[in-house]
C-alpha atoms as a PDB file:
ATOM      1  CA  PRO A   1       0.166  -0.356   0.821  1.00  0.00           C
ATOM      2  CA  LEU A   2       2.899   2.971   0.744  1.00  0.00           C
ATOM      3  CA  LEU A   3       4.729   2.011  -2.592  1.00  0.00           C
ATOM      4  CA  ASP A   4       1.177   2.039  -4.250  1.00  0.00           C
ATOM      5  CA  ALA A   5       0.722   5.339  -2.538  1.00  0.00           C
ATOM      6  CA  GLY A   6       3.961   6.847  -4.195  1.00  0.00           C
ATOM      7  CA  LYS A   7       6.003   6.347  -0.669  1.00  0.00           C
ATOM      8  CA  LYS A   8       9.435   5.930  -0.151  1.00  0.00           C
ATOM      9  CA  VAL A   9      10.167   2.594   1.508  1.00  0.00           C
ATOM     10  CA  ILE A  10      13.188   0.967   3.222  1.00  0.00           C
ATOM     11  CA  ASP A  11      12.402  -2.017   4.074  1.00  0.00           C
ATOM     12  CA  LEU A  12      14.522  -4.184   6.803  1.00  0.00           C
ATOM     13  CA  SER A  13      12.418  -7.314   6.362  1.00  0.00           C
ATOM     14  CA  ALA A  14      13.822 -10.229   3.765  1.00  0.00           C
ATOM     15  CA  ASP A  15      11.180 -10.214   1.482  1.00  0.00           C
ATOM     16  CA  PHE A  16      12.596  -7.769  -1.300  1.00  0.00           C
ATOM     17  CA  ARG A  17      16.842  -9.092  -1.012  1.00  0.00           C
ATOM     18  CA  LEU A  18      16.407 -12.046  -3.169  1.00  0.00           C
ATOM     19  CA  ASN A  19      15.691 -11.327  -7.220  1.00  0.00           C
ATOM     20  CA  SER A  20      13.711 -15.179  -7.312  1.00  0.00           C
ATOM     21  CA  ALA A  21      10.791 -16.133  -5.921  1.00  0.00           C
ATOM     22  CA  GLU A  22      11.285 -19.435  -6.112  1.00  0.00           C
ATOM     23  CA  THR A  23      14.726 -18.922  -4.202  1.00  0.00           C
ATOM     24  CA  TYR A  24      12.653 -17.081  -0.990  1.00  0.00           C
ATOM     25  CA  GLU A  25       9.946 -19.680  -1.118  1.00  0.00           C
ATOM     26  CA  GLU A  26      12.475 -22.702  -0.970  1.00  0.00           C
ATOM     27  CA  PHE A  27      14.857 -20.907   1.721  1.00  0.00           C
ATOM     28  CA  TYR A  28      11.664 -19.045   3.615  1.00  0.00           C
ATOM     29  CA  GLY A  29       9.128 -21.555   2.976  1.00  0.00           C
ATOM     30  CA  GLN A  30       6.282 -20.042   1.434  1.00  0.00           C
ATOM     31  CA  PRO A  31       5.296 -18.215  -1.634  1.00  0.00           C
ATOM     32  CA  HIS A  32       7.029 -14.835  -1.922  1.00  0.00           C
ATOM     33  CA  PRO A  33       3.645 -12.107  -0.874  1.00  0.00           C
ATOM     34  CA  ALA A  34       5.048  -9.217  -3.552  1.00  0.00           C
ATOM     35  CA  PRO A  35       6.832 -10.958  -6.440  1.00  0.00           C
ATOM     36  CA  GLU A  36       5.745  -8.343  -8.826  1.00  0.00           C
ATOM     37  CA  TRP A  37       8.527  -5.948  -6.098  1.00  0.00           C
ATOM     38  CA  LEU A  38      11.239  -8.386  -6.761  1.00  0.00           C
ATOM     39  CA  ALA A  39      12.855  -6.666 -10.399  1.00  0.00           C
ATOM     40  CA  ARG A  40      12.069  -3.686  -8.853  1.00  0.00           C
ATOM     41  CA  ALA A  41      13.442  -3.121  -5.352  1.00  0.00           C
ATOM     42  CA  SER A  42      17.522  -1.687  -4.814  1.00  0.00           C
ATOM     43  CA  TYR A  43      19.697  -3.807  -2.571  1.00  0.00           C
ATOM     44  CA  GLY A  44      20.498  -1.070   0.394  1.00  0.00           C
ATOM     45  CA  LEU A  45      23.911  -1.887   0.894  1.00  0.00           C
ATOM     46  CA  PRO A  46      25.561   1.963   0.407  1.00  0.00           C
ATOM     47  CA  GLU A  47      28.918   0.450   0.211  1.00  0.00           C
ATOM     48  CA  LEU A  48      28.646  -1.805  -2.760  1.00  0.00           C
ATOM     49  CA  TYR A  49      25.847  -0.068  -4.738  1.00  0.00           C
ATOM     50  CA  GLU A  50      24.506   3.559  -5.572  1.00  0.00           C
ATOM     51  CA  LEU A  51      21.529   3.868  -4.454  1.00  0.00           C
ATOM     52  CA  SER A  52      19.133   6.806  -5.699  1.00  0.00           C
ATOM     53  CA  TRP A  53      14.741   7.011  -5.378  1.00  0.00           C
ATOM     54  CA  GLU A  54      14.832   7.099  -9.301  1.00  0.00           C
ATOM     55  CA  THR A  55      16.592   4.243  -9.370  1.00  0.00           C
ATOM     56  CA  SER A  56      13.402   2.535  -7.389  1.00  0.00           C
ATOM     57  CA  PRO A  57      10.848   3.389  -4.644  1.00  0.00           C
ATOM     58  CA  LEU A  58      12.131   0.174  -2.676  1.00  0.00           C
ATOM     59  CA  ILE A  59      15.103  -0.351  -0.957  1.00  0.00           C
ATOM     60  CA  ALA A  60      15.801  -3.953   0.955  1.00  0.00           C
ATOM     61  CA  SER A  61      17.988  -3.168   3.401  1.00  0.00           C
ATOM     62  CA  PRO A  62      20.505  -6.552   3.920  1.00  0.00           C
ATOM     63  CA  GLY A  63      20.871  -8.600   6.490  1.00  0.00           C
ATOM     64  CA  CYS A  64      22.888  -8.409   9.898  1.00  0.00           C
ATOM     65  CA  TYR A  65      25.206 -11.648   8.128  1.00  0.00           C
ATOM     66  CA  PRO A  66      24.897 -10.976   4.742  1.00  0.00           C
ATOM     67  CA  THR A  67      26.952  -7.124   5.375  1.00  0.00           C
ATOM     68  CA  SER A  68      29.584  -9.014   7.977  1.00  0.00           C
ATOM     69  CA  ILE A  69      30.396 -11.131   4.116  1.00  0.00           C
ATOM     70  CA  LEU A  70      29.672  -9.496   1.325  1.00  0.00           C
ATOM     71  CA  ILE A  71      31.593  -6.039   2.091  1.00  0.00           C
ATOM     72  CA  PRO A  72      34.537  -7.564   3.200  1.00  0.00           C
ATOM     73  CA  LEU A  73      34.695 -10.644   0.346  1.00  0.00           C
ATOM     74  CA  SER A  74      32.728  -9.264  -2.970  1.00  0.00           C
ATOM     75  CA  ILE A  75      35.576  -6.560  -4.186  1.00  0.00           C
ATOM     76  CA  LEU A  76      37.891  -9.537  -3.967  1.00  0.00           C
ATOM     77  CA  LEU A  77      36.163 -12.400  -6.583  1.00  0.00           C
ATOM     78  CA  THR A  78      35.649  -9.372  -8.503  1.00  0.00           C
ATOM     79  CA  GLU A  79      39.223  -8.424  -8.847  1.00  0.00           C
ATOM     80  CA  LYS A  80      39.631 -12.377  -8.725  1.00  0.00           C
ATOM     81  CA  ILE A  81      42.195 -11.915  -6.052  1.00  0.00           C
ATOM     82  CA  VAL A  82      39.782 -15.338  -4.115  1.00  0.00           C
ATOM     83  CA  LYS A  83      38.626 -17.904  -5.904  1.00  0.00           C
ATOM     84  CA  GLU A  84      35.362 -18.677  -6.022  1.00  0.00           C
ATOM     85  CA  GLU A  85      35.451 -22.068  -5.156  1.00  0.00           C
ATOM     86  CA  GLY A  86      35.646 -23.331  -1.518  1.00  0.00           C
ATOM     87  CA  ILE A  87      34.718 -20.048   0.394  1.00  0.00           C
ATOM     88  CA  ILE A  88      33.949 -21.222   4.325  1.00  0.00           C
ATOM     89  CA  ALA A  89      32.256 -18.457   6.616  1.00  0.00           C
ATOM     90  CA  ASN A  90      32.298 -18.884   9.769  1.00  0.00           C
ATOM     91  CA  SER A  91      30.130 -16.170  11.961  1.00  0.00           C
ATOM     92  CA  MET A  92      29.252 -15.371  15.495  1.00  0.00           C
ATOM     93  CA  SER A  93      26.043 -13.626  16.608  1.00  0.00           C
ATOM     94  CA  GLY A  94      24.188 -11.913  19.289  1.00  0.00           C
ATOM     95  CA  VAL A  95      21.497 -12.963  20.583  1.00  0.00           C
ATOM     96  CA  SER A  96      19.378  -9.875  19.895  1.00  0.00           C
ATOM     97  CA  GLY A  97      19.849 -11.383  15.935  1.00  0.00           C
ATOM     98  CA  ALA A  98      17.504 -14.252  16.419  1.00  0.00           C
ATOM     99  CA  GLY A  99      15.057 -11.450  16.722  1.00  0.00           C
ATOM    100  CA  ARG A 100      12.321 -11.048  19.999  1.00  0.00           C
ATOM    101  CA  ASN A 101      11.126 -14.635  19.923  1.00  0.00           C
ATOM    102  CA  ALA A 102      10.230 -15.477  23.526  1.00  0.00           C
ATOM    103  CA  THR A 103      11.771 -18.676  23.138  1.00  0.00           C
ATOM    104  CA  GLU A 104      13.409 -20.649  25.879  1.00  0.00           C
ATOM    105  CA  LYS A 105      17.139 -21.096  23.951  1.00  0.00           C
ATOM    106  CA  LEU A 106      17.418 -17.693  24.078  1.00  0.00           C
ATOM    107  CA  LEU A 107      16.548 -16.891  27.541  1.00  0.00           C
ATOM    108  CA  TYR A 108      20.228 -15.654  29.646  1.00  0.00           C
ATOM    109  CA  CYS A 109      19.960 -18.342  31.650  1.00  0.00           C
ATOM    110  CA  GLU A 110      20.047 -20.255  28.543  1.00  0.00           C
ATOM    111  CA  ARG A 111      22.436 -18.795  26.350  1.00  0.00           C
ATOM    112  CA  ASN A 112      24.899 -17.826  28.820  1.00  0.00           C
ATOM    113  CA  GLU A 113      28.356 -19.484  28.821  1.00  0.00           C
ATOM    114  CA  SER A 114      27.049 -21.221  25.908  1.00  0.00           C
ATOM    115  CA  ALA A 115      27.739 -20.842  21.922  1.00  0.00           C
ATOM    116  CA  GLY A 116      26.742 -23.008  18.767  1.00  0.00           C
ATOM    117  CA  ALA A 117      25.809 -23.482  16.234  1.00  0.00           C
ATOM    118  CA  TYR A 118      22.349 -23.041  14.403  1.00  0.00           C
ATOM    119  CA  GLY A 119      20.679 -23.424  11.077  1.00  0.00           C
ATOM    120  CA  LEU A 120      22.803 -25.262   9.049  1.00  0.00           C
ATOM    121  CA  PRO A 121      23.677 -26.089   6.535  1.00  0.00           C
ATOM    122  CA  LYS A 122      21.015 -23.909   4.944  1.00  0.00           C
ATOM    123  CA  HIS A 123      20.523 -20.828   7.032  1.00  0.00           C
ATOM    124  CA  ARG A 124      18.178 -18.462   5.449  1.00  0.00           C
ATOM    125  CA  HIS A 125      20.508 -16.125   4.849  1.00  0.00           C
ATOM    126  CA  LEU A 126      22.655 -18.596   2.781  1.00  0.00           C
ATOM    127  CA  SER A 127      20.268 -17.509  -0.082  1.00  0.00           C
ATOM    128  CA  GLU A 128      20.958 -13.630   0.181  1.00  0.00           C
ATOM    129  CA  ILE A 129      24.237 -14.040   0.419  1.00  0.00           C
ATOM    130  CA  GLU A 130      25.279 -16.377  -2.895  1.00  0.00           C
ATOM    131  CA  GLU A 131      23.024 -14.081  -4.835  1.00  0.00           C
ATOM    132  CA  GLN A 132      24.388 -11.336  -4.200  1.00  0.00           C
ATOM    133  CA  LEU A 133      28.430 -12.464  -4.220  1.00  0.00           C
ATOM    134  CA  SER A 134      27.458 -13.716  -8.095  1.00  0.00           C
ATOM    135  CA  LEU A 135      25.525  -9.755  -9.088  1.00  0.00           C
ATOM    136  CA  LEU A 136      28.543  -8.191  -7.636  1.00  0.00           C
ATOM    137  CA  SER A 137      31.383 -10.664  -8.862  1.00  0.00           C
ATOM    138  CA  ARG A 138      30.586 -10.551 -12.454  1.00  0.00           C
ATOM    139  CA  ARG A 139      29.730 -14.033 -12.383  1.00  0.00           C
ATOM    140  CA  HIS A 140      26.186 -14.214 -12.589  1.00  0.00           C
ATOM    141  CA  PRO A 141      24.492 -16.423 -13.945  1.00  0.00           C
ATOM    142  CA  LYS A 142      27.489 -18.624 -12.732  1.00  0.00           C
ATOM    143  CA  GLU A 143      26.599 -19.179  -9.031  1.00  0.00           C
ATOM    144  CA  VAL A 144      28.871 -18.094  -6.814  1.00  0.00           C
ATOM    145  CA  VAL A 145      28.783 -21.085  -3.675  1.00  0.00           C
ATOM    146  CA  LEU A 146      30.441 -21.532  -0.472  1.00  0.00           C
ATOM    147  CA  SER A 147      29.988 -22.893   3.094  1.00  0.00           C
ATOM    148  CA  PHE A 148      28.297 -20.613   5.788  1.00  0.00           C
ATOM    149  CA  HIS A 149      28.620 -21.661   9.037  1.00  0.00           C
ATOM    150  CA  PRO A 150      26.028 -19.127  11.439  1.00  0.00           C
ATOM    151  CA  HIS A 151      26.568 -19.385  15.843  1.00  0.00           C
ATOM    152  CA  LEU A 152      24.970 -18.184  18.417  1.00  0.00           C
ATOM    153  CA  ALA A 153      27.261 -16.277  21.478  1.00  0.00           C
ATOM    154  CA  PRO A 154      26.603 -16.017  24.638  1.00  0.00           C
ATOM    155  CA  MET A 155      25.892 -11.899  23.543  1.00  0.00           C
ATOM    156  CA  SER A 156      23.320  -9.881  23.545  1.00  0.00           C
ATOM    157  CA  ARG A 157      24.251  -8.413  20.746  1.00  0.00           C
ATOM    158  CA  GLY A 158      27.418  -8.207  17.456  1.00  0.00           C
ATOM    159  CA  ILE A 159      28.075 -10.177  14.909  1.00  0.00           C
ATOM    160  CA  CYS A 160      32.101 -10.615  14.508  1.00  0.00           C
ATOM    161  CA  THR A 161      32.396 -13.612  10.995  1.00  0.00           C
ATOM    162  CA  THR A 162      35.774 -15.114   9.682  1.00  0.00           C
ATOM    163  CA  ILE A 163      35.913 -16.075   6.299  1.00  0.00           C
ATOM    164  CA  SER A 164      38.477 -18.294   4.947  1.00  0.00           C
ATOM    165  CA  ALA A 165      39.098 -17.761   0.717  1.00  0.00           C
ATOM    166  CA  PRO A 166      41.893 -19.303  -1.681  1.00  0.00           C
ATOM    167  CA  ALA A 167      43.301 -16.910  -2.856  1.00  0.00           C
ATOM    168  CA  GLU A 168      43.908 -16.271  -6.587  1.00  0.00           C
ATOM    169  CA  GLY A 169      47.308 -15.960  -8.154  1.00  0.00           C
ATOM    170  CA  GLU A 170      50.031 -14.901  -5.964  1.00  0.00           C
ATOM    171  CA  LEU A 171      48.976 -15.351  -1.953  1.00  0.00           C
ATOM    172  CA  ASP A 172      49.573 -11.099  -0.479  1.00  0.00           C
ATOM    173  CA  ARG A 173      48.019  -9.495   1.749  1.00  0.00           C
ATOM    174  CA  GLU A 174      48.787  -5.848   0.419  1.00  0.00           C
ATOM    175  CA  LYS A 175      46.664  -7.118  -2.588  1.00  0.00           C
ATOM    176  CA  VAL A 176      43.575  -7.191  -0.450  1.00  0.00           C
ATOM    177  CA  ILE A 177      44.919  -4.757   1.771  1.00  0.00           C
ATOM    178  CA  ASP A 178      44.573  -2.384  -1.861  1.00  0.00           C
ATOM    179  CA  CYS A 179      42.164  -3.648  -3.044  1.00  0.00           C
ATOM    180  CA  TRP A 180      39.743  -2.432  -0.135  1.00  0.00           C
ATOM    181  CA  ARG A 181      41.365   0.873   0.120  1.00  0.00           C
ATOM    182  CA  ARG A 182      40.411   1.725  -3.403  1.00  0.00           C
ATOM    183  CA  ILE A 183      37.161   0.542  -3.283  1.00  0.00           C
ATOM    184  CA  PHE A 184      36.401   1.873   0.252  1.00  0.00           C
ATOM    185  CA  ASP A 185      39.245   5.183   1.503  1.00  0.00           C
ATOM    186  CA  HIS A 186      36.229   7.218   1.056  1.00  0.00           C
ATOM    187  CA  ARG A 187      33.274   4.912   2.569  1.00  0.00           C
ATOM    188  CA  PRO A 188      32.724   6.936   5.877  1.00  0.00           C
ATOM    189  CA  PHE A 189      31.845   3.590   7.888  1.00  0.00           C
ATOM    190  CA  VAL A 190      34.419   0.853   6.842  1.00  0.00           C
ATOM    191  CA  ASN A 191      37.855   0.916   9.207  1.00  0.00           C
ATOM    192  CA  LEU A 192      40.696  -1.902   8.206  1.00  0.00           C
ATOM    193  CA  LEU A 193      42.792  -2.498  11.249  1.00  0.00           C
ATOM    194  CA  PRO A 194      46.337  -2.225  10.769  1.00  0.00           C
ATOM    195  CA  GLU A 195      48.586  -5.587  10.628  1.00  0.00           C
ATOM    196  CA  GLY A 196      48.150  -8.351  13.595  1.00  0.00           C
ATOM    197  CA  GLU A 197      44.900  -6.274  14.640  1.00  0.00           C
ATOM    198  CA  PHE A 198      41.413  -8.191  15.029  1.00  0.00           C
ATOM    199  CA  PRO A 199      38.089  -6.759  14.702  1.00  0.00           C
ATOM    200  CA  ASP A 200      36.093  -7.132  17.909  1.00  0.00           C
ATOM    201  CA  VAL A 201      32.401  -7.379  18.189  1.00  0.00           C
ATOM    202  CA  ALA A 202      33.177  -4.751  21.338  1.00  0.00           C
ATOM    203  CA  HIS A 203      35.404  -2.193  19.010  1.00  0.00           C
ATOM    204  CA  VAL A 204      31.778  -1.107  17.076  1.00  0.00           C
ATOM    205  CA  THR A 205      28.897  -1.683  18.969  1.00  0.00           C
ATOM    206  CA  GLY A 206      26.674   1.148  18.552  1.00  0.00           C
ATOM    207  CA  THR A 207      27.995   2.078  15.946  1.00  0.00           C
ATOM    208  CA  ASN A 208      27.348   1.701  11.981  1.00  0.00           C
ATOM    209  CA  ARG A 209      31.042   0.844  11.539  1.00  0.00           C
ATOM    210  CA  ILE A 210      32.170  -2.751   9.918  1.00  0.00           C
ATOM    211  CA  ASP A 211      35.809  -3.295  11.018  1.00  0.00           C
ATOM    212  CA  LEU A 212      37.941  -5.748   8.941  1.00  0.00           C
ATOM    213  CA  SER A 213      40.915  -7.513   8.737  1.00  0.00           C
ATOM    214  CA  VAL A 214      43.143 -10.121   6.673  1.00  0.00           C
ATOM    215  CA  HIS A 215      45.744 -12.390   7.244  1.00  0.00           C
ATOM    216  CA  ALA A 216      47.295 -14.221   4.642  1.00  0.00           C
ATOM    217  CA  ASP A 217      47.808 -18.124   5.231  1.00  0.00           C
ATOM    218  CA  PRO A 218      50.755 -19.668   3.323  1.00  0.00           C
ATOM    219  CA  ARG A 219      50.885 -22.657   4.777  1.00  0.00           C
ATOM    220  CA  THR A 220      47.003 -23.318   3.231  1.00  0.00           C
ATOM    221  CA  GLY A 221      47.129 -20.710   0.666  1.00  0.00           C
ATOM    222  CA  ARG A 222      44.199 -19.001   1.883  1.00  0.00           C
ATOM    223  CA  TYR A 223      43.425 -15.421   3.020  1.00  0.00           C
ATOM    224  CA  VAL A 224      41.685 -15.055   6.010  1.00  0.00           C
ATOM    225  CA  LEU A 225      39.552 -12.213   6.158  1.00  0.00           C
ATOM    226  CA  CYS A 226      37.431 -10.952   9.079  1.00  0.00           C
ATOM    227  CA  SER A 227      34.637  -8.631   9.916  1.00  0.00           C
ATOM    228  CA  ALA A 228      33.258  -6.522  12.841  1.00  0.00           C
ATOM    229  CA  GLU A 229      29.603  -4.672  13.380  1.00  0.00           C
ATOM    230  CA  ASP A 230      26.912  -4.276  15.747  1.00  0.00           C
ATOM    231  CA  ASN A 231      24.266  -6.825  14.562  1.00  0.00           C
ATOM    232  CA  LEU A 232      21.780  -3.525  15.319  1.00  0.00           C
ATOM    233  CA  ILE A 233      22.844  -0.756  13.870  1.00  0.00           C
ATOM    234  CA  LYS A 234      25.445  -1.513  10.206  1.00  0.00           C
ATOM    235  CA  GLY A 235      22.771  -4.963  10.730  1.00  0.00           C
ATOM    236  CA  ALA A 236      20.039  -3.209  10.632  1.00  0.00           C
ATOM    237  CA  GLY A 237      18.650  -0.137  11.320  1.00  0.00           C
ATOM    238  CA  GLY A 238      21.934   2.440  11.219  1.00  0.00           C
ATOM    239  CA  GLN A 239      22.281   0.808   7.303  1.00  0.00           C
ATOM    240  CA  ALA A 240      18.656   1.703   6.986  1.00  0.00           C
ATOM    241  CA  ILE A 241      19.211   5.360   8.029  1.00  0.00           C
ATOM    242  CA  GLN A 242      22.527   5.337   5.615  1.00  0.00           C
ATOM    243  CA  SER A 243      21.007   4.506   2.925  1.00  0.00           C
ATOM    244  CA  MET A 244      18.020   7.285   3.952  1.00  0.00           C
ATOM    245  CA  ASN A 245      21.474   9.543   3.819  1.00  0.00           C
ATOM    246  CA  VAL A 246      22.039   8.841   0.868  1.00  0.00           C
ATOM    247  CA  CYS A 247      19.073   8.430  -1.704  1.00  0.00           C
ATOM    248  CA  GLN A 248      17.642  12.147   0.511  1.00  0.00           C
ATOM    249  CA  GLY A 249      20.998  13.920  -0.284  1.00  0.00           C
ATOM    250  CA  TYR A 250      21.879  14.261   3.053  1.00  0.00           C
ATOM    251  CA  GLU A 251      25.607  13.658   4.767  1.00  0.00           C
ATOM    252  CA  GLU A 252      25.769   9.871   4.587  1.00  0.00           C
ATOM    253  CA  GLU A 253      27.246   9.810   9.042  1.00  0.00           C
ATOM    254  CA  GLU A 254      23.769  12.198   9.121  1.00  0.00           C
ATOM    255  CA  GLY A 255      22.475  11.411  12.727  1.00  0.00           C
ATOM    256  CA  LEU A 256      24.905   7.781  12.401  1.00  0.00           C
ATOM    257  CA  SER A 257      28.603   6.925  14.143  1.00  0.00           C
END
């Protein structure tokens, strides 16, 4: 109704993040409620897409896990710095990432001093991650397939992701850093950490920032990409505000930290 009335919408649900109604039904277990809007929605990740109300009045704000994976990884696939096969992503999320459901496993006494995997092997966000990696790496319709392992951690908020990606060609950490700097140096919410430092959710809580680091592993011929973000801000509401700022012509950092 809002779109039909000519309003502009930034949607934080998963309904318009995918291009395919069939994929939506496969991962979410029900028919899509408005498939006619799938091809018309913009994917609201400002670091990787040019957003504008002229392109679409509907912006689908990305999921928290996809944000933590797409920002560090997608451009490396595009530049052929990493291979598209054999990518593994392990993520830990605070319990707020599971929403406000009053379930036993989300009670403090159940989650405190407890961590474990869930949603394996096809977490819902996997569909969004693979589709966007395929599109952003310009390999679509060939699909990028990866192994994604989400975990619930004993913390209220935050996402910490570690990605293991095989190097394409010579293993050289500086190639990744140079690529990230070229793409992200002008982006206010992407923070590249010095060599030897690791992203920590404690350092990004309450901010719209995502911290990144990369480490070369010559023993396996892989890059280890690390990211940390606040799932409630960069992974949700803050990113939606960031997209709105861009589309409205405001300063990108307006109202955010």
